[in-house]
Amino acid sequence: FIIDLAAGILDEEKFFYFYNRVAEYGGNILASAISPPGHWKFNLPDLESRLRAAPVVKIGMPDDVLLEAVLVKLFLDRQLRVEPGVITYILRRIHRSLGAARDFIRVLDEAALAQKRIISVPLVRSVLESMPVGK
């Protein structure tokens, strides 16, 4: 099961029941949240102890290798060819998140289609200049 706990646990008793059922059947829960369970306030001590004992992994911003691979994949998904140096140029200038990369490639693709241009460093530069938040 995958659960987003960014808003917290609204009903601790139901979640505790769910947690125990999953454990009883040998299942796993993958939960995402903004902060680790160690920072949460609980009303149920048993739920608190179980969640605080659960493994926690912090996912940081992607490094250059991952972000470059994602950019290549995003271009390939859209069947876009790019001039040499474009990916390196983008990599150094966009916000370092996978969502920002996805959004930027979408805007770049739309600009290339609208202007009937190939994806080049000058096009990337002009798109970046039109997106002050995306820099």
C-alpha atoms as a PDB file:
ATOM      1  CA  PHE A   1       0.000   0.000   0.000  1.00  0.00           C
ATOM      2  CA  ILE A   2       1.177   3.529  -0.758  1.00  0.00           C
ATOM      3  CA  ILE A   3      -0.138   6.361   1.400  1.00  0.00           C
ATOM      4  CA  ASP A   4       0.488  10.110   1.400  1.00  0.00           C
ATOM      5  CA  LEU A   5       0.602  11.327   4.980  1.00  0.00           C
ATOM      6  CA  ALA A   6       1.528  14.931   4.157  1.00  0.00           C
ATOM      7  CA  ALA A   7      -1.715  16.122   5.819  1.00  0.00           C
ATOM      8  CA  GLY A   8      -1.161  13.898   8.848  1.00  0.00           C
ATOM      9  CA  ILE A   9      -3.227  10.980  10.100  1.00  0.00           C
ATOM     10  CA  LEU A  10      -6.823  12.089  10.349  1.00  0.00           C
ATOM     11  CA  ASP A  11      -8.162   9.032  12.179  1.00  0.00           C
ATOM     12  CA  GLU A  12      -5.470   7.333  14.229  1.00  0.00           C
ATOM     13  CA  GLU A  13      -7.682   4.422  15.273  1.00  0.00           C
ATOM     14  CA  LYS A  14      -8.556   3.498  11.681  1.00  0.00           C
ATOM     15  CA  PHE A  15      -4.962   3.907  10.570  1.00  0.00           C
ATOM     16  CA  PHE A  16      -3.750   1.770  13.486  1.00  0.00           C
ATOM     17  CA  TYR A  17      -6.239  -0.954  12.506  1.00  0.00           C
ATOM     18  CA  PHE A  18      -5.074  -0.727   8.888  1.00  0.00           C
ATOM     19  CA  TYR A  19      -1.416  -0.835   9.948  1.00  0.00           C
ATOM     20  CA  ASN A  20      -1.982  -3.963  12.050  1.00  0.00           C
ATOM     21  CA  ARG A  21      -3.962  -5.708   9.262  1.00  0.00           C
ATOM     22  CA  VAL A  22      -1.211  -5.068   6.734  1.00  0.00           C
ATOM     23  CA  ALA A  23       1.397  -6.377   9.180  1.00  0.00           C
ATOM     24  CA  GLU A  24      -0.749  -9.411   9.984  1.00  0.00           C
ATOM     25  CA  TYR A  25      -0.824 -10.426   6.317  1.00  0.00           C
ATOM     26  CA  GLY A  26       2.882  -9.748   5.803  1.00  0.00           C
ATOM     27  CA  GLY A  27       2.314  -6.673   3.694  1.00  0.00           C
ATOM     28  CA  ASN A  28       4.166  -3.387   3.544  1.00  0.00           C
ATOM     29  CA  ILE A  29       3.150   0.247   3.680  1.00  0.00           C
ATOM     30  CA  LEU A  30       5.044   2.925   1.825  1.00  0.00           C
ATOM     31  CA  ALA A  31       4.057   6.292   3.234  1.00  0.00           C
ATOM     32  CA  SER A  32       5.222   9.710   2.151  1.00  0.00           C
ATOM     33  CA  ALA A  33       5.137  12.770   4.366  1.00  0.00           C
ATOM     34  CA  ILE A  34       6.779  16.134   4.725  1.00  0.00           C
ATOM     35  CA  SER A  35       8.344  15.284   8.087  1.00  0.00           C
ATOM     36  CA  PRO A  36       9.304  11.982   9.757  1.00  0.00           C
ATOM     37  CA  PRO A  37       7.044  10.325  12.361  1.00  0.00           C
ATOM     38  CA  GLY A  38       9.438  11.469  15.077  1.00  0.00           C
ATOM     39  CA  HIS A  39       8.078  15.002  14.604  1.00  0.00           C
ATOM     40  CA  TRP A  40       4.387  14.049  14.761  1.00  0.00           C
ATOM     41  CA  LYS A  41       2.018  14.238  17.712  1.00  0.00           C
ATOM     42  CA  PHE A  42       0.018  11.099  18.461  1.00  0.00           C
ATOM     43  CA  ASN A  43      -2.962  10.277  20.626  1.00  0.00           C
ATOM     44  CA  LEU A  44      -2.425   6.506  20.400  1.00  0.00           C
ATOM     45  CA  PRO A  45       0.852   5.443  22.059  1.00  0.00           C
ATOM     46  CA  ASP A  46       0.891   2.067  20.250  1.00  0.00           C
ATOM     47  CA  LEU A  47       0.611   3.733  16.852  1.00  0.00           C
ATOM     48  CA  GLU A  48       3.261   6.231  17.844  1.00  0.00           C
ATOM     49  CA  SER A  49       5.726   3.509  18.854  1.00  0.00           C
ATOM     50  CA  ARG A  50       5.171   1.516  15.651  1.00  0.00           C
ATOM     51  CA  LEU A  51       5.557   4.481  13.329  1.00  0.00           C
ATOM     52  CA  ARG A  52       8.583   5.858  15.134  1.00  0.00           C
ATOM     53  CA  ALA A  53      10.217   2.427  14.837  1.00  0.00           C
ATOM     54  CA  ALA A  54       9.555   2.294  11.076  1.00  0.00           C
ATOM     55  CA  PRO A  55      12.465   2.910   8.712  1.00  0.00           C
ATOM     56  CA  VAL A  56      12.611   6.476   7.399  1.00  0.00           C
ATOM     57  CA  VAL A  57      14.333   7.567   4.213  1.00  0.00           C
ATOM     58  CA  LYS A  58      14.811  11.196   3.304  1.00  0.00           C
ATOM     59  CA  ILE A  59      14.591  11.876  -0.406  1.00  0.00           C
ATOM     60  CA  GLY A  60      16.598  14.911  -1.380  1.00  0.00           C
ATOM     61  CA  MET A  61      16.920  16.864  -4.565  1.00  0.00           C
ATOM     62  CA  PRO A  62      18.170  14.880  -7.579  1.00  0.00           C
ATOM     63  CA  ASP A  63      21.873  15.054  -8.344  1.00  0.00           C
ATOM     64  CA  ASP A  64      23.242  15.976 -11.782  1.00  0.00           C
ATOM     65  CA  VAL A  65      23.405  12.375 -12.992  1.00  0.00           C
ATOM     66  CA  LEU A  66      19.776  11.631 -12.145  1.00  0.00           C
ATOM     67  CA  LEU A  67      18.471  14.969 -13.410  1.00  0.00           C
ATOM     68  CA  GLU A  68      20.375  14.562 -16.679  1.00  0.00           C
ATOM     69  CA  ALA A  69      18.924  11.063 -17.150  1.00  0.00           C
ATOM     70  CA  VAL A  70      15.444  12.403 -16.449  1.00  0.00           C
ATOM     71  CA  LEU A  71      15.889  15.209 -18.996  1.00  0.00           C
ATOM     72  CA  VAL A  72      17.034  12.696 -21.625  1.00  0.00           C
ATOM     73  CA  LYS A  73      14.025  10.495 -20.876  1.00  0.00           C
ATOM     74  CA  LEU A  74      11.611  13.427 -21.019  1.00  0.00           C
ATOM     75  CA  PHE A  75      12.938  14.416 -24.444  1.00  0.00           C
ATOM     76  CA  LEU A  76      12.740  10.809 -25.645  1.00  0.00           C
ATOM     77  CA  ASP A  77       9.185  10.422 -24.315  1.00  0.00           C
ATOM     78  CA  ARG A  78       8.173  13.368 -26.490  1.00  0.00           C
ATOM     79  CA  GLN A  79      10.299  12.098 -29.400  1.00  0.00           C
ATOM     80  CA  LEU A  80      12.259  15.349 -29.418  1.00  0.00           C
ATOM     81  CA  ARG A  81      15.734  15.719 -30.784  1.00  0.00           C
ATOM     82  CA  VAL A  82      17.881  18.378 -29.220  1.00  0.00           C
ATOM     83  CA  GLU A  83      21.060  20.078 -30.299  1.00  0.00           C
ATOM     84  CA  PRO A  84      24.274  19.130 -28.485  1.00  0.00           C
ATOM     85  CA  GLY A  85      24.778  21.018 -25.248  1.00  0.00           C
ATOM     86  CA  VAL A  86      21.079  21.638 -24.625  1.00  0.00           C
ATOM     87  CA  ILE A  87      20.748  19.168 -21.768  1.00  0.00           C
ATOM     88  CA  THR A  88      23.848  20.497 -20.011  1.00  0.00           C
ATOM     89  CA  TYR A  89      22.577  24.050 -20.467  1.00  0.00           C
ATOM     90  CA  ILE A  90      19.163  23.161 -18.997  1.00  0.00           C
ATOM     91  CA  LEU A  91      20.697  21.140 -16.171  1.00  0.00           C
ATOM     92  CA  ARG A  92      22.613  24.162 -14.886  1.00  0.00           C
ATOM     93  CA  ARG A  93      19.631  26.517 -14.967  1.00  0.00           C
ATOM     94  CA  ILE A  94      16.363  24.873 -13.941  1.00  0.00           C
ATOM     95  CA  HIS A  95      15.064  24.244 -10.442  1.00  0.00           C
ATOM     96  CA  ARG A  96      16.489  20.968  -9.199  1.00  0.00           C
ATOM     97  CA  SER A  97      13.378  18.848  -9.014  1.00  0.00           C
ATOM     98  CA  LEU A  98      11.870  16.170 -11.220  1.00  0.00           C
ATOM     99  CA  GLY A  99       8.587  18.091 -11.415  1.00  0.00           C
ATOM    100  CA  ALA A 100      10.364  21.240 -12.545  1.00  0.00           C
ATOM    101  CA  ALA A 101      12.200  19.243 -15.237  1.00  0.00           C
ATOM    102  CA  ARG A 102       8.930  17.743 -16.488  1.00  0.00           C
ATOM    103  CA  ASP A 103       7.195  21.119 -16.537  1.00  0.00           C
ATOM    104  CA  PHE A 104      10.120  22.829 -18.257  1.00  0.00           C
ATOM    105  CA  ILE A 105      10.353  20.226 -21.030  1.00  0.00           C
ATOM    106  CA  ARG A 106       6.588  20.572 -21.625  1.00  0.00           C
ATOM    107  CA  VAL A 107       6.877  24.372 -21.935  1.00  0.00           C
ATOM    108  CA  LEU A 108       9.976  24.031 -24.110  1.00  0.00           C
ATOM    109  CA  ASP A 109       8.210  21.553 -26.416  1.00  0.00           C
ATOM    110  CA  GLU A 110       5.214  23.887 -26.730  1.00  0.00           C
ATOM    111  CA  ALA A 111       7.504  26.839 -27.528  1.00  0.00           C
ATOM    112  CA  ALA A 112       9.397  24.847 -30.159  1.00  0.00           C
ATOM    113  CA  LEU A 113       6.126  23.827 -31.813  1.00  0.00           C
ATOM    114  CA  ALA A 114       4.646  27.335 -31.692  1.00  0.00           C
ATOM    115  CA  GLN A 115       7.803  28.932 -33.075  1.00  0.00           C
ATOM    116  CA  LYS A 116       8.562  26.041 -35.454  1.00  0.00           C
ATOM    117  CA  ARG A 117      12.109  25.873 -34.107  1.00  0.00           C
ATOM    118  CA  ILE A 118      14.401  23.045 -33.151  1.00  0.00           C
ATOM    119  CA  ILE A 119      15.303  22.732 -29.510  1.00  0.00           C
ATOM    120  CA  SER A 120      18.545  24.612 -29.193  1.00  0.00           C
ATOM    121  CA  VAL A 121      20.373  26.583 -26.523  1.00  0.00           C
ATOM    122  CA  PRO A 122      18.983  29.913 -27.846  1.00  0.00           C
ATOM    123  CA  LEU A 123      15.424  28.555 -27.630  1.00  0.00           C
ATOM    124  CA  VAL A 124      16.051  27.211 -24.133  1.00  0.00           C
ATOM    125  CA  ARG A 125      17.472  30.594 -23.128  1.00  0.00           C
ATOM    126  CA  SER A 126      14.410  32.444 -24.403  1.00  0.00           C
ATOM    127  CA  VAL A 127      12.035  30.037 -22.645  1.00  0.00           C
ATOM    128  CA  LEU A 128      13.978  30.383 -19.393  1.00  0.00           C
ATOM    129  CA  GLU A 129      13.812  34.170 -19.675  1.00  0.00           C
ATOM    130  CA  SER A 130      10.040  33.981 -20.038  1.00  0.00           C
ATOM    131  CA  MET A 131       9.759  31.802 -16.885  1.00  0.00           C
ATOM    132  CA  PRO A 132      11.203  33.794 -13.992  1.00  0.00           C
ATOM    133  CA  VAL A 133       9.950  31.245 -11.445  1.00  0.00           C
ATOM    134  CA  GLY A 134      11.421  28.315 -13.397  1.00  0.00           C
ATOM    135  CA  LYS A 135      15.001  29.545 -13.142  1.00  0.00           C
END
